[in-house]
Protein backbone atom coordinates (compact mmCIF):
# COMPACT_ATOMS: atom_id res chain seq x y z
CA MET A 1 58.48 31.05 75.64
CA LYS A 2 59.05 31.70 79.42
CA PHE A 3 63.17 32.39 78.75
CA LEU A 4 62.24 34.99 76.33
CA THR A 5 59.94 37.34 77.98
CA SER A 6 62.57 37.44 81.59
CA GLN A 7 64.47 37.89 78.18
CA VAL A 8 61.96 41.17 77.83
CA ALA A 9 61.52 41.70 81.22
CA ALA A 10 64.95 41.94 81.55
CA PHE A 11 65.50 43.83 78.24
CA LEU A 12 62.89 46.87 79.94
CA GLU A 13 63.72 47.39 83.37
CA GLY A 14 66.02 50.00 84.38
CA GLY A 15 65.64 52.69 82.62
CA SER A 16 68.75 52.94 80.12
CA SER A 17 66.70 50.07 78.00
CA ARG A 18 63.52 51.92 77.77
CA ARG A 19 65.63 55.42 76.84
CA ASN A 20 67.53 53.18 74.23
CA LEU A 21 65.07 51.55 72.75
CA LYS A 22 63.48 55.27 72.03
CA LEU A 23 66.05 56.81 70.80
CA LEU A 24 66.65 53.03 67.80
CA VAL A 25 62.79 53.59 66.97
CA ARG A 26 63.74 57.10 66.01
CA PHE A 27 66.19 56.45 64.52
CA LEU A 28 64.70 54.42 62.25
CA LEU A 29 61.08 56.33 62.19
CA ILE A 30 63.66 59.04 61.09
CA LEU A 31 64.81 56.49 57.61
CA VAL A 32 62.01 55.45 57.10
CA GLY A 33 61.16 59.24 56.13
CA MET A 34 64.04 59.11 54.02
CA ILE A 35 62.86 56.04 52.35
CA CYS A 36 58.91 57.69 51.79
CA THR A 37 60.43 61.28 50.78
CA TYR A 38 62.90 59.95 48.56
CA SER A 39 60.50 57.60 46.16
CA VAL A 40 58.35 60.60 45.51
CA LEU A 41 60.60 62.53 45.01
CA PHE A 42 62.00 59.50 42.04
CA HIS A 43 58.00 59.52 41.30
CA VAL A 44 58.32 63.59 40.55
CA ILE A 45 61.97 63.19 39.08
CA MET A 46 61.14 60.47 36.17
CA LYS A 47 57.88 61.80 35.32
CA TRP A 48 59.97 65.83 34.13
CA GLU A 49 62.26 62.78 32.09
CA GLY A 50 59.11 60.93 31.00
CA GLN A 51 59.23 57.96 32.38
CA ASN A 52 56.41 56.68 34.80
CA HIS A 53 56.81 54.43 36.98
CA THR A 54 54.45 52.34 39.68
CA TRP A 55 55.62 53.27 43.64
CA PHE A 56 56.49 50.31 44.37
CA THR A 57 58.92 50.37 41.91
CA GLY A 58 59.89 53.77 43.43
CA PHE A 59 60.47 52.29 46.92
CA TYR A 60 63.17 49.45 45.20
CA TRP A 61 65.51 52.00 43.19
CA THR A 62 65.37 53.96 46.53
CA LEU A 63 66.46 50.88 48.43
CA THR A 64 69.04 49.45 46.22
CA VAL A 65 71.16 53.03 45.70
CA MET A 66 70.74 53.31 49.81
CA SER A 67 72.14 50.59 50.13
CA THR A 68 74.65 51.14 47.35
CA LEU A 69 73.88 47.87 45.31
CA GLY A 70 72.61 50.14 42.71
CA PHE A 71 71.84 47.22 40.08
CA GLY A 72 71.00 49.56 36.80
CA ASP A 73 67.94 48.22 35.46
CA ILE A 74 66.25 51.35 36.71
CA ILE A 75 68.04 54.50 35.32
CA PHE A 76 67.80 58.82 35.15
CA HIS A 77 68.73 60.55 32.00
CA THR A 78 69.96 64.42 32.77
CA ASP A 79 71.87 66.00 35.01
CA THR A 80 68.85 66.86 37.72
CA GLY A 81 68.06 62.56 37.81
CA ARG A 82 71.51 62.39 38.51
CA LEU A 83 72.46 64.53 41.06
CA PHE A 84 69.44 63.26 43.25
CA SER A 85 71.23 59.85 43.15
CA THR A 86 74.12 60.96 44.37
CA VAL A 87 72.48 63.00 47.26
CA VAL A 88 70.12 59.48 47.65
CA LEU A 89 74.05 57.27 47.54
CA LEU A 90 75.72 59.58 49.80
CA SER A 91 73.06 59.86 52.35
CA GLY A 92 72.31 55.95 51.93
CA MET A 93 76.05 55.17 52.64
CA VAL A 94 76.05 57.33 55.02
CA PHE A 95 72.42 55.86 57.06
CA LEU A 96 72.50 52.47 56.42
CA LEU A 97 76.30 51.84 55.94
CA MET A 98 77.59 53.94 58.58
CA LEU A 99 74.64 54.78 61.40
CA MET A 100 72.23 52.03 61.20
CA PRO A 101 74.85 49.11 62.36
CA PHE A 102 75.78 51.66 65.10
CA THR A 103 72.70 52.00 66.14
CA LEU A 104 71.79 49.01 66.65
CA ILE A 105 74.42 46.90 67.59
CA GLU A 106 74.52 50.31 70.57
CA PHE A 107 71.13 50.42 70.75
CA PHE A 108 69.15 47.09 70.66
CA TYR A 109 72.17 44.64 70.11
CA ALA A 110 74.35 45.14 73.14
CA PRO A 111 71.41 45.99 75.45
CA TRP A 112 69.29 42.52 74.62
CA VAL A 113 73.12 40.19 74.64
CA ALA A 114 73.14 42.11 78.36
CA ALA A 115 69.76 41.13 79.13
CA GLN A 116 70.01 37.15 78.32
CA ALA A 117 73.33 37.79 80.49
CA ARG A 118 71.35 39.15 82.80
CA ALA A 119 68.29 36.62 83.03
CA ARG A 120 70.36 33.41 84.03
CA ALA A 121 70.69 35.15 87.92
CA PRO A 122 67.79 34.93 89.11
CA ARG A 123 65.37 36.78 90.97
CA GLU A 124 62.99 34.21 92.94
CA LEU A 125 63.67 31.22 93.80
CA PRO A 126 61.54 27.89 93.63
CA PRO A 127 58.20 27.48 95.22
CA ASP A 128 58.96 24.65 97.32
CA THR A 129 62.73 25.89 98.25
CA ASN A 130 63.61 24.64 101.55
CA GLY A 131 65.98 24.49 104.86
CA HIS A 132 68.50 26.49 102.28
CA VAL A 133 71.44 29.65 103.79
CA ILE A 134 71.09 32.39 102.50
CA LEU A 135 74.52 34.02 101.87
CA THR A 136 74.43 37.82 101.87
CA ASN A 137 78.40 38.58 100.83
CA TYR A 138 80.87 37.02 98.62
CA ASP A 139 84.52 37.05 100.30
CA ALA A 140 86.87 34.78 101.65
CA VAL A 141 85.01 33.32 104.54
CA THR A 142 81.81 32.80 102.54
CA ALA A 143 83.73 30.87 99.54
CA ALA A 144 85.24 28.58 101.94
CA LEU A 145 81.58 27.93 103.51
CA ILE A 146 80.38 27.39 100.54
CA ARG A 147 83.03 24.59 99.97
CA LYS A 148 81.99 23.66 103.18
CA LEU A 149 77.88 23.13 102.27
CA ASN A 150 78.88 21.71 99.22
CA GLN A 151 80.94 18.63 100.72
CA PHE A 152 77.68 18.15 103.03
CA GLY A 153 74.78 18.23 100.58
CA TYR A 154 73.42 21.36 102.23
CA PRO A 155 71.35 23.31 99.93
CA TYR A 156 72.05 26.85 99.89
CA VAL A 157 72.03 31.03 98.03
CA LEU A 158 73.56 33.51 97.41
CA LEU A 159 72.56 37.14 97.37
CA VAL A 160 74.32 39.72 95.12
CA ARG A 161 73.27 43.12 94.57
CA ASP A 162 74.90 43.12 91.24
CA PRO A 163 73.61 40.93 87.53
CA GLU A 164 76.93 41.60 86.32
CA SER A 165 78.98 40.10 89.69
CA ALA A 166 75.94 37.42 89.92
CA LEU A 167 76.70 36.11 86.28
CA LYS A 168 80.51 35.72 86.79
CA LEU A 169 79.73 34.41 90.65
CA HIS A 170 76.97 32.50 88.79
CA ASP A 171 79.47 31.21 86.12
CA ASP A 172 81.99 29.63 88.37
CA GLY A 173 79.39 27.56 89.97
CA ILE A 174 77.86 29.28 92.68
CA ASN A 175 74.04 29.57 93.34
CA VAL A 176 73.81 32.58 93.47
CA MET A 177 69.93 35.28 93.26
CA VAL A 178 70.42 38.84 92.06
CA GLY A 179 69.04 41.33 94.88
CA ASP A 180 69.09 43.88 97.66
CA PRO A 181 70.26 42.63 99.84
CA ASP A 182 68.35 45.38 102.66
CA LEU A 183 64.95 45.22 101.07
CA PRO A 184 62.82 43.32 102.28
CA GLU A 185 60.49 41.68 99.41
CA THR A 186 64.17 40.05 98.27
CA TYR A 187 63.84 38.09 101.29
CA GLN A 188 60.34 37.02 100.21
CA ARG A 189 61.50 36.04 96.53
CA ILE A 190 64.65 33.80 98.04
CA ARG A 191 62.00 31.89 100.82
CA LEU A 192 63.37 33.05 103.89
CA ALA A 193 60.96 32.29 106.17
CA ARG A 194 61.86 28.48 105.11
CA ALA A 195 65.85 28.95 105.30
CA ALA A 196 67.98 26.97 107.74
CA MET A 197 69.75 30.42 108.31
CA VAL A 198 71.98 33.44 107.62
CA VAL A 199 74.72 34.19 107.29
CA ALA A 200 76.45 38.42 106.24
CA THR A 201 79.80 39.15 106.74
CA GLY A 202 80.15 42.46 105.29
CA SER A 203 80.74 45.66 106.74
CA ASP A 204 79.35 46.14 110.83
CA VAL A 205 76.93 48.26 109.22
CA GLY A 206 76.02 46.70 106.73
CA ASN A 207 75.18 43.94 108.21
CA THR A 208 73.01 46.10 110.69
CA ASN A 209 70.86 46.71 108.09
CA ILE A 210 70.73 43.59 106.58
CA ALA A 211 70.20 41.79 110.10
CA PHE A 212 67.27 44.30 111.13
CA THR A 213 65.43 44.53 107.62
CA ILE A 214 65.48 40.17 108.21
CA ARG A 215 64.38 40.32 111.66
CA GLU A 216 61.31 42.53 110.36
CA GLU A 217 60.47 39.67 107.62
CA SER A 218 60.60 36.56 110.24
CA LYS A 219 62.14 36.68 114.09
CA HIS A 220 62.37 32.85 113.53
CA VAL A 221 64.85 32.50 111.69
CA SER A 222 69.22 31.90 112.99
CA ILE A 223 70.87 35.17 111.56
CA LEU A 224 74.87 34.64 111.99
CA THR A 225 76.69 37.85 110.96
CA THR A 226 80.51 38.91 111.54
CA ALA A 227 81.73 42.23 113.57
CA SER A 228 84.96 44.20 114.54
CA THR A 229 84.20 45.62 117.65
CA ASP A 230 82.72 45.34 120.86
CA GLN A 231 80.31 48.57 120.14
CA ALA A 232 79.68 46.57 116.67
CA VAL A 233 78.78 43.11 118.53
CA ASP A 234 75.77 45.44 121.02
CA ILE A 235 74.00 46.86 117.99
CA LEU A 236 73.83 43.85 115.76
CA GLN A 237 72.58 41.68 118.62
CA LEU A 238 70.08 44.83 118.89
CA ALA A 239 69.13 44.74 115.43
CA GLY A 240 68.09 41.01 115.10
CA SER A 241 71.19 38.67 115.24
CA THR A 242 70.88 34.80 116.92
CA ARG A 243 74.82 35.24 117.30
CA VAL A 244 77.13 37.67 116.26
CA PHE A 245 81.02 36.65 115.80
CA LYS A 246 83.95 38.42 116.17
CA LEU A 247 86.30 37.01 114.30
CA GLY A 248 89.55 38.87 114.69
CA ASP A 249 89.11 37.73 118.43
CA LEU A 250 88.43 34.20 117.67
CA MET A 251 91.17 33.89 115.21
CA GLY A 252 94.16 35.22 117.81
CA GLN A 253 92.83 32.39 120.80
CA ALA A 254 93.23 30.37 118.18
CA LEU A 255 96.37 30.91 117.75
CA ALA A 256 97.10 31.25 121.44
CA ARG A 257 96.73 27.70 121.71
CA ARG A 258 98.79 27.10 119.45
CA THR A 259 101.50 28.05 121.26
CA SER A 260 103.67 25.19 123.84
CA GLY A 261 104.02 27.96 126.08
CA GLY A 262 107.27 27.31 127.80
CA ASP A 263 105.73 23.98 128.99
CA ALA A 264 105.28 20.05 128.57
CA VAL A 265 101.49 19.84 129.89
CA ALA A 266 98.27 19.49 126.87
CA HIS A 267 97.10 22.34 125.87
CA VAL A 268 92.84 21.63 125.11
CA ILE A 269 92.06 22.86 121.65
CA GLY A 270 88.42 22.04 121.30
CA HIS A 271 86.48 19.67 121.97
CA PHE A 272 83.28 17.44 121.42
CA ASP A 273 81.43 17.36 124.61
CA LYS A 274 83.37 15.20 127.32
CA LEU A 275 85.99 14.13 124.15
CA LEU A 276 88.67 16.75 124.74
CA ILE A 277 91.15 17.29 122.01
CA ALA A 278 94.87 18.76 122.68
CA GLU A 279 98.34 19.29 122.14
CA ALA A 280 101.86 19.23 124.26
CA THR A 281 104.83 19.32 122.92
CA ALA A 282 108.09 16.40 123.22
CA SER A 283 110.85 18.64 123.89
CA GLY A 284 112.21 18.09 126.11
CA THR A 285 111.20 15.10 128.27
CA PRO A 286 111.56 11.48 127.80
CA LEU A 287 109.54 10.42 125.45
CA VAL A 288 111.84 12.08 123.19
CA GLY A 289 113.63 9.59 121.20
CA LYS A 290 110.70 6.92 121.53
CA THR A 291 108.25 5.32 118.79
CA LEU A 292 104.36 5.61 120.57
CA ALA A 293 104.66 2.84 121.79
CA GLN A 294 108.00 2.67 123.90
CA ALA A 295 106.71 5.43 125.67
CA ALA A 296 103.13 4.22 126.78
CA VAL A 297 101.35 7.39 126.92
CA ARG A 298 97.62 5.21 126.31
CA THR A 299 99.13 3.09 129.37
CA MET A 300 100.86 5.78 131.50
CA ALA A 301 98.34 8.26 131.65
CA GLY A 302 94.41 6.94 129.09
CA VAL A 303 94.89 9.96 126.58
CA SER A 304 95.25 8.67 122.71
CA VAL A 305 97.47 9.81 120.61
CA ILE A 306 95.56 9.78 117.08
CA GLY A 307 98.59 11.99 115.76
CA VAL A 308 101.53 14.03 115.16
CA TRP A 309 102.99 17.61 114.11
CA GLU A 310 106.85 17.13 112.34
CA ARG A 311 107.44 20.72 110.70
CA GLY A 312 103.61 21.97 110.32
CA GLN A 313 102.96 17.68 108.79
CA PHE A 314 100.41 16.01 110.37
CA LYS A 315 100.94 11.85 110.27
CA THR A 316 98.96 9.52 111.51
CA ALA A 317 99.77 7.99 114.87
CA GLY A 318 100.96 4.58 114.83
CA PRO A 319 102.81 2.30 117.20
CA ASP A 320 105.79 2.53 115.30
CA THR A 321 106.13 6.50 114.65
CA SER A 322 108.86 8.22 116.28
CA ILE A 323 108.45 10.80 118.95
CA THR A 324 111.61 13.95 118.56
CA GLY A 325 112.60 17.50 119.92
CA ASN A 326 110.56 18.41 116.89
CA THR A 327 106.81 16.13 117.96
CA VAL A 328 103.92 18.03 118.89
CA LEU A 329 101.71 15.07 120.03
CA VAL A 330 98.20 15.05 119.10
CA MET A 331 95.82 14.16 121.24
CA ALA A 332 92.49 12.57 122.75
CA GLY A 333 90.79 11.80 126.04
CA SER A 334 88.77 13.32 129.08
CA ALA A 335 89.81 16.04 131.29
CA GLU A 336 90.51 12.91 133.55
CA GLN A 337 93.10 11.14 131.65
CA PHE A 338 94.67 14.92 130.81
CA ARG A 339 95.04 15.68 134.15
CA ALA A 340 96.60 12.43 134.41
CA TYR A 341 99.16 13.57 132.05
CA ASP A 342 100.24 16.64 132.93
CA GLU A 343 100.78 14.42 136.65
CA LEU A 344 103.23 12.95 134.94
CA PHE A 345 104.22 15.84 132.49
CA CYS A 346 104.43 18.77 134.34
CA ILE A 347 107.47 18.88 135.94
CA TYR A 348 109.32 19.81 132.23
CA HIS A 349 109.47 23.36 131.78
CA ILE A 350 110.54 23.60 128.55
CA ASN A 351 111.57 27.58 128.28
CA GLN A 352 109.89 30.17 130.05
CA ASN A 353 110.73 33.19 128.11
CA PRO A 354 108.19 35.08 126.49
CA VAL A 355 106.54 33.88 123.29
CA VAL A 356 106.88 36.89 120.94
CA ILE A 357 103.96 38.01 118.73
CA ILE A 358 104.68 40.17 116.01
CA GLY A 359 101.77 42.50 114.79
CA GLY A 360 99.73 44.40 116.47
CA GLY A 361 95.85 44.27 115.40
CA ARG A 362 92.95 43.39 116.11
CA VAL A 363 94.26 39.62 115.81
CA GLY A 364 97.79 40.14 117.01
CA ARG A 365 96.20 42.37 120.18
CA ALA A 366 93.38 39.56 120.97
CA THR A 367 96.17 36.80 121.17
CA GLY A 368 98.18 38.64 123.72
CA ASP A 369 94.78 38.58 125.14
CA ALA A 370 94.38 35.32 124.99
CA LEU A 371 97.74 34.42 126.13
CA LEU A 372 97.67 36.67 129.30
CA GLN A 373 94.12 34.31 130.46
CA ARG A 374 97.08 31.27 130.08
CA LYS A 375 99.39 33.18 132.55
CA ILE A 376 101.65 33.49 129.30
CA ASP A 377 105.12 35.72 129.03
CA PHE A 378 104.79 37.45 125.53
CA ARG A 379 106.64 40.22 124.29
CA ILE A 380 104.14 42.45 120.96
CA VAL A 381 106.01 43.63 118.35
CA ASP A 382 104.57 46.93 116.53
CA LYS A 383 105.37 49.94 114.98
CA ILE A 384 102.80 51.73 115.69
CA SER A 385 102.57 52.75 119.45
CA GLU A 386 98.97 53.30 119.75
CA ARG A 387 97.91 49.53 119.04
CA VAL A 388 99.21 47.53 121.55
CA HIS A 389 100.05 51.34 123.95
CA ARG A 390 97.73 48.63 126.70
CA PHE A 391 100.68 46.34 126.98
CA ASP A 392 102.99 48.65 128.98
CA GLU A 393 106.07 46.90 129.17
CA ARG A 394 105.07 43.94 126.88
CA ALA A 395 105.04 46.75 123.83
CA VAL A 396 107.81 46.73 121.50
CA ILE A 397 107.61 50.06 118.59
CA GLY A 398 109.44 49.15 115.68
CA ASP A 399 109.67 47.35 112.38
CA ALA A 400 109.32 43.27 113.19
CA SER A 401 111.76 43.00 109.00
CA ASP A 402 114.70 44.63 112.19
CA ILE A 403 116.48 42.44 113.27
CA ASP A 404 117.55 44.88 116.66
CA VAL A 405 113.58 45.18 117.32
CA LEU A 406 113.00 41.02 117.40
CA GLU A 407 116.43 40.80 119.25
CA LYS A 408 114.45 43.66 121.65
CA ALA A 409 111.73 41.30 122.02
CA GLY A 410 113.60 37.83 122.49
CA ILE A 411 113.50 36.03 119.81
CA ARG A 412 117.06 34.63 120.90
CA ASP A 413 115.46 32.74 123.12
CA ALA A 414 111.78 32.98 123.17
CA PRO A 415 109.75 29.22 123.14
CA SER A 416 107.24 30.59 119.84
CA VAL A 417 106.50 33.35 118.01
CA ILE A 418 103.15 33.84 116.93
CA ILE A 419 102.62 35.94 113.09
CA THR A 420 99.67 37.88 112.81
CA PRO A 421 99.61 40.67 110.68
CA ASN A 422 96.54 41.18 107.90
CA ASP A 423 98.69 40.79 104.67
CA ASP A 424 100.22 36.88 103.20
CA ASP A 425 103.13 37.93 101.55
CA MET A 426 104.64 40.00 104.86
CA ASN A 427 103.86 36.81 106.63
CA VAL A 428 106.05 34.78 104.39
CA TYR A 429 109.21 37.66 104.20
CA LEU A 430 108.45 37.61 108.35
CA THR A 431 108.35 33.48 108.38
CA ILE A 432 111.57 32.56 106.67
CA PHE A 433 113.27 36.02 108.53
CA CYS A 434 112.87 34.27 112.47
CA ARG A 435 113.21 30.73 110.59
CA LYS A 436 116.85 31.48 109.67
CA LEU A 437 117.70 33.39 112.80
CA ARG A 438 115.83 30.49 114.23
CA GLN A 439 116.09 26.51 113.98
CA ASP A 440 114.79 25.73 116.99
CA ILE A 441 111.25 28.16 117.05
CA GLN A 442 107.63 26.78 116.86
CA ILE A 443 106.45 29.71 114.30
CA ILE A 444 102.95 30.04 114.37
CA SER A 445 101.08 32.08 111.56
CA ARG A 446 97.95 33.53 110.44
CA SER A 447 96.78 33.18 106.97
CA VAL A 448 94.66 34.90 105.16
CA ARG A 449 94.07 33.66 101.82
CA ASP A 450 93.39 29.85 101.54
CA ARG A 451 95.89 29.70 99.18
CA ASN A 452 99.65 30.61 100.85
CA VAL A 453 98.59 28.32 103.33
CA SER A 454 101.27 25.81 102.21
CA THR A 455 103.38 28.55 100.60
CA LEU A 456 103.80 29.59 104.20
CA HIS A 457 104.22 26.13 106.13
CA ARG A 458 107.52 25.84 102.65
CA ALA A 459 108.35 29.18 104.47
CA GLY A 460 109.78 27.50 107.95
CA ALA A 461 105.84 27.77 109.92
CA ASP A 462 105.34 24.65 112.55
CA PHE A 463 100.75 26.33 112.60
CA VAL A 464 98.90 27.88 110.32
CA MET A 465 95.87 28.89 110.89
CA SER A 466 93.18 29.79 107.92
CA TYR A 467 90.92 32.93 108.59
CA ALA A 468 88.80 31.61 105.75
CA SER A 469 88.54 28.43 107.05
CA MET A 470 88.14 29.39 111.06
CA GLY A 471 84.84 31.08 110.32
CA ALA A 472 83.57 28.65 107.39
CA ASN A 473 83.60 26.09 110.26
CA ILE A 474 82.40 28.18 112.70
CA PHE A 475 79.83 29.08 110.87
CA PHE A 476 79.22 25.09 109.48
CA ASN A 477 78.66 23.90 113.27
CA CYS A 478 75.94 26.56 114.08
CA LEU A 479 74.11 24.47 111.06
CA LYS A 480 74.74 21.33 112.03
CA ARG A 481 74.10 22.04 115.61
CA SER A 482 77.80 19.46 116.18
CA ASP A 483 80.42 20.42 116.41
CA ILE A 484 83.27 19.56 113.50
CA LEU A 485 86.59 21.19 115.01
CA MET A 486 89.91 22.28 112.58
CA ILE A 487 92.53 21.38 114.43
CA ALA A 488 94.73 23.30 111.70
CA GLU A 489 93.93 24.69 108.25
CA GLY A 490 93.21 21.70 105.79
CA LEU A 491 93.13 18.69 109.20
CA ASN A 492 89.35 18.56 111.37
CA ILE A 493 87.44 16.21 113.21
CA PHE A 494 83.86 15.31 111.99
CA LYS A 495 81.64 13.07 113.29
CA VAL A 496 78.96 11.54 111.11
CA ASN A 497 76.53 8.52 111.09
CA LEU A 498 77.51 4.96 110.73
CA PRO A 499 78.18 4.13 107.54
CA ASP A 500 75.40 0.71 106.72
CA GLU A 501 78.02 -0.95 105.04
CA LEU A 502 80.10 -0.52 108.32
CA ALA A 503 77.52 -2.07 110.61
CA GLY A 504 77.97 -5.30 112.70
CA LYS A 505 81.89 -4.84 110.75
CA SER A 506 85.09 -4.22 114.08
CA LEU A 507 87.57 -1.39 113.02
CA ILE A 508 90.28 -3.85 111.96
CA GLU A 509 87.90 -5.26 109.59
CA SER A 510 86.49 -2.26 108.15
CA GLY A 511 89.41 -1.02 107.06
CA VAL A 512 88.70 2.84 107.23
CA ARG A 513 92.00 4.15 107.17
CA LYS A 514 93.12 2.27 104.14
CA LYS A 515 90.54 2.91 102.52
CA THR A 516 90.15 6.57 103.12
CA GLY A 517 92.98 8.05 105.09
CA CYS A 518 90.50 9.19 108.33
CA THR A 519 91.61 7.66 112.04
CA VAL A 520 88.15 6.40 114.00
CA ILE A 521 88.48 8.30 117.22
CA ALA A 522 85.62 8.30 119.32
CA VAL A 523 82.43 6.02 119.18
CA GLN A 524 79.29 7.51 120.43
CA GLU A 525 75.60 5.87 121.13
CA ASN A 526 72.88 7.82 122.61
CA GLY A 527 74.68 10.07 124.34
CA ASN A 528 78.15 7.80 125.16
CA LEU A 529 80.78 8.91 124.22
CA GLN A 530 83.87 5.49 123.75
CA ILE A 531 87.10 7.75 123.01
CA ASN A 532 89.83 5.40 121.61
CA PRO A 533 87.21 2.44 120.85
CA ASP A 534 88.72 -0.95 120.65
CA PRO A 535 89.78 -1.52 116.74
CA SER A 536 88.06 -5.40 117.18
CA ARG A 537 85.28 -4.16 118.69
CA LYS A 538 81.97 -4.52 117.26
CA LEU A 539 80.47 -1.18 115.08
CA GLU A 540 76.84 -1.48 115.76
CA GLN A 541 73.77 0.41 113.68
CA ASN A 542 73.27 3.53 114.90
CA GLU A 543 76.20 4.67 116.65
CA GLU A 544 78.19 7.70 115.30
CA ILE A 545 81.26 8.07 114.38
CA LEU A 546 84.05 10.56 115.21
CA LEU A 547 86.88 10.88 112.50
CA ILE A 548 90.30 13.01 112.10
CA SER A 549 92.21 13.85 109.25
CA ASP A 550 92.89 15.98 106.74
CA ALA A 551 91.31 17.60 103.64
CA GLU A 552 91.73 14.80 101.23
CA SER A 553 91.19 11.99 103.55
CA GLU A 554 87.95 14.28 104.25
CA GLY A 555 87.28 13.98 100.63
CA LYS A 556 87.61 10.47 100.07
CA TRP A 557 85.16 8.91 102.86
CA PHE A 558 82.25 11.28 101.38
CA GLU A 559 83.00 10.18 98.25
CA ILE A 560 83.12 6.62 99.41
CA TYR A 561 80.60 6.55 102.28
CA GLY A 562 78.21 10.11 101.12
CA LYS A 563 77.46 12.97 102.94
CA GLY A 564 76.74 11.30 105.96
CA LYS A 565 74.62 14.18 107.89
CA GLU A 566 73.23 14.27 110.42
């Protein structure tokens, strides 16, 4: 009964449904009037012919003739009666066989089916909803965040304005609620007061309206928004946003951190409290040609090599892992340990030539700014001079698909090329082009869509950063209030509570790497972080562990040991 009520309510909402219902009733009244008129004329003509029938018989005859059934048990004997029968038959064909099916389908059946579909998308959350994440826009970042929330078992709801779009997303397995994101009553129905946070990833103008509306309804809920300009950041903060992220700038900074920068020192790419994660290029150092055991990096500097990159492929590090000229070491350690590492390897200068940045959009310019902060020289290539004019002599105007333009930018001698356009097809094209020009160059590329990450790796990219995954991790970190560090697309470092079944066991006895593919890189207890723990050390009940893994191994961990929420 409740479902039927919701269907009726959905059917009657809006002016078009009520107008259709009025037209349908009007048609039925005309049809009933015709049947009554024909029944009366039937009695008049029959009496003129000398036949007497009941009033019910008149209705019976009219319906059988109009519906073309024509049983033949009641007939007229005069031409006048036969002419009347013909008129009734023809009008019946038009009204019952042609107009009535069309009218019922157009003004009743189709709207009713649409109302049933709209009723499947809820317009209000249950009163006991609590701790959920409210999403106000569906895009690549939001889709990646939804996958993350599902993986860690956090409730969420996606607010969708259009019922039909909401239904399609609902059928795709996404939790949706229909409502206008700029109406206060919508946030009352979505239980804003008990939400964990709100994420708005739409346009700057739309995000401002949403943030202002939400802040009027709740003074305490966290509102996270995206912005494309510095001016929008200020306005969004004034509108009530708790935190504002310029994802384009963050992507540029992340891409800049990936470049070797022409040296062999360790470059920090993220941190967990005192634990730093850094990368260093092995090319041009005495490490090339050795195994990790022979290199003895941990003995010399105290840092631990937790993995290596080889042409875009991450491999978990072991004593027998070989170091080649293309190897990039992924290491974990403290600031003091990395200073010791840099003192050992700062004398090796791999390539001091400028890095090449392809694309002068928001991401490309942010990459250039980040390289300037690191005091790394670069050349930025773009067709439009106005986009890169502030870089002065570092700007190269032209088409990056032109070999002469790339050679002018120094592609023949550059240690790295960073590809930043907002077009994955172009990025694949440029990656292939640069790899053909230089087999030894480090290629770092941006990916707009997650599905093109593997394509860019196959095309020859050493590192690929996904805009969607980066944004999702940033928002998820705010929810968790702890770090989940994305080292590269599909490769994360994450922290979880120690599962009960691993308490009292050593890392060797636990078999975590063998079972899941994840590697434990640190153990934390009461705020004390032990980096690179002894494999024979017993794990305690209340400890937290930090693991590094790819997406597949991370999924295995949660499949075996549960959600692991803090």
